[in-house]
Protein backbone atom coordinates (compact mmCIF):
# COMPACT_ATOMS: atom_id res chain seq x y z
CA MET A 1 -14.75 40.87 36.45
CA ASP A 2 -14.93 37.16 35.70
CA ASN A 3 -12.09 36.17 33.32
CA LYS A 4 -13.71 32.82 32.62
CA LYS A 5 -16.45 34.62 30.74
CA PHE A 6 -13.95 36.13 28.27
CA PHE A 7 -11.43 33.28 28.02
CA GLN A 8 -13.33 30.09 27.43
CA SER A 9 -11.85 26.99 25.93
CA PRO A 10 -12.76 26.26 22.32
CA LEU A 11 -13.30 22.67 23.44
CA ASP A 12 -16.04 23.70 25.86
CA ASN A 13 -19.12 21.76 24.77
CA SER A 14 -21.53 24.25 26.25
CA LEU A 15 -20.52 26.94 23.74
CA THR A 16 -19.90 24.90 20.60
CA ALA A 17 -22.70 24.77 18.09
CA GLU A 18 -24.29 21.48 17.20
CA LYS A 19 -22.83 19.73 14.21
CA GLU A 20 -24.92 20.42 11.16
CA LYS A 21 -25.16 18.24 8.10
CA ILE A 22 -23.48 19.89 5.15
CA SER A 23 -25.90 20.19 2.29
CA LEU A 24 -25.00 21.44 -1.13
CA SER A 25 -27.22 24.21 -2.41
CA SER A 26 -27.83 22.81 -5.86
CA ARG A 27 -27.34 19.17 -6.81
CA LYS A 28 -27.50 20.01 -10.49
CA LYS A 29 -24.78 22.66 -10.17
CA TRP A 30 -22.36 20.29 -8.42
CA PHE A 31 -23.19 17.48 -10.86
CA TRP A 32 -22.33 19.59 -13.93
CA LEU A 33 -19.25 20.95 -12.20
CA GLY A 34 -18.10 17.36 -11.62
CA ILE A 35 -18.68 16.47 -15.28
CA ILE A 36 -16.73 19.52 -16.49
CA ILE A 37 -13.84 18.69 -14.16
CA ALA A 38 -13.89 15.07 -15.37
CA LEU A 39 -13.68 16.24 -18.98
CA ILE A 40 -10.90 18.78 -18.39
CA ASN A 41 -8.64 16.51 -16.33
CA PRO A 42 -10.08 12.99 -16.25
CA ILE A 43 -7.27 11.10 -14.64
CA PHE A 44 -6.85 12.93 -11.34
CA SER A 45 -9.49 15.59 -10.82
CA GLY A 46 -12.36 13.63 -12.34
CA LEU A 47 -11.59 10.58 -10.24
CA ILE A 48 -11.14 12.63 -7.07
CA ILE A 49 -14.44 14.49 -7.55
CA GLY A 50 -16.19 11.23 -8.46
CA LEU A 51 -14.88 9.52 -5.33
CA ALA A 52 -15.83 12.53 -3.20
CA PHE A 53 -19.38 12.34 -4.56
CA TRP A 54 -19.37 8.56 -3.94
CA THR A 55 -18.89 9.12 -0.19
CA GLU A 56 -22.13 11.12 0.00
CA ALA A 57 -25.22 8.92 0.16
CA GLU A 58 -27.43 11.24 -1.89
CA PHE A 59 -24.84 11.62 -4.70
CA LYS A 60 -24.17 7.94 -5.54
CA LYS A 61 -25.93 8.13 -8.91
CA GLU A 62 -24.09 11.29 -9.92
CA ALA A 63 -20.80 9.78 -8.71
CA ARG A 64 -21.21 6.78 -11.02
CA ILE A 65 -21.84 9.06 -13.98
CA ILE A 66 -18.85 11.30 -13.21
CA LEU A 67 -16.54 8.32 -12.64
CA ALA A 68 -17.69 6.69 -15.88
CA ILE A 69 -17.07 9.90 -17.84
CA ALA A 70 -13.66 10.35 -16.21
CA ILE A 71 -12.55 6.79 -16.99
CA ILE A 72 -13.91 6.73 -20.55
CA TRP A 73 -12.53 10.18 -21.38
CA GLY A 74 -9.18 9.22 -19.84
CA LEU A 75 -8.97 6.10 -22.04
CA ILE A 76 -9.93 8.12 -25.11
CA THR A 77 -7.22 10.66 -24.27
CA ILE A 78 -4.57 7.95 -23.90
CA TYR A 79 -5.46 6.23 -27.17
CA LEU A 80 -5.81 9.54 -29.01
CA SER A 81 -2.43 10.77 -27.81
CA ARG A 82 -0.77 7.48 -28.84
CA TRP A 83 -2.41 7.66 -32.27
CA LEU A 84 -1.37 11.30 -32.74
CA ALA A 85 2.20 10.42 -31.73
CA GLN A 86 2.28 7.58 -34.28
CA GLN A 87 1.00 9.92 -36.98
CA GLY A 88 3.73 12.43 -36.18
CA TYR A 89 1.47 15.16 -34.79
CA LEU A 90 2.81 14.83 -31.25
CA PRO A 91 6.51 14.57 -30.36
CA VAL A 92 7.80 11.24 -29.12
CA TYR A 93 10.37 11.44 -26.34
């Protein structure tokens, strides 16, 4: 029996599949998921998802929208929390 047939290197180019381009099944689904993430946690998750979309050529438009929502919602959250702290609704440490 030929042991080479059963124990082949994972780096062997003859057996590895060709690299395939990763395509997302639904652009609309991923776009709305990015917007929801940007609204829930704008500072970190929204920016990370927006930047991840920015690296994909076909998602540049959606990336700009998600990043804009994340930044604007983040600024609103900061100003709102400061205002609520000044009004006494939030504790000041």
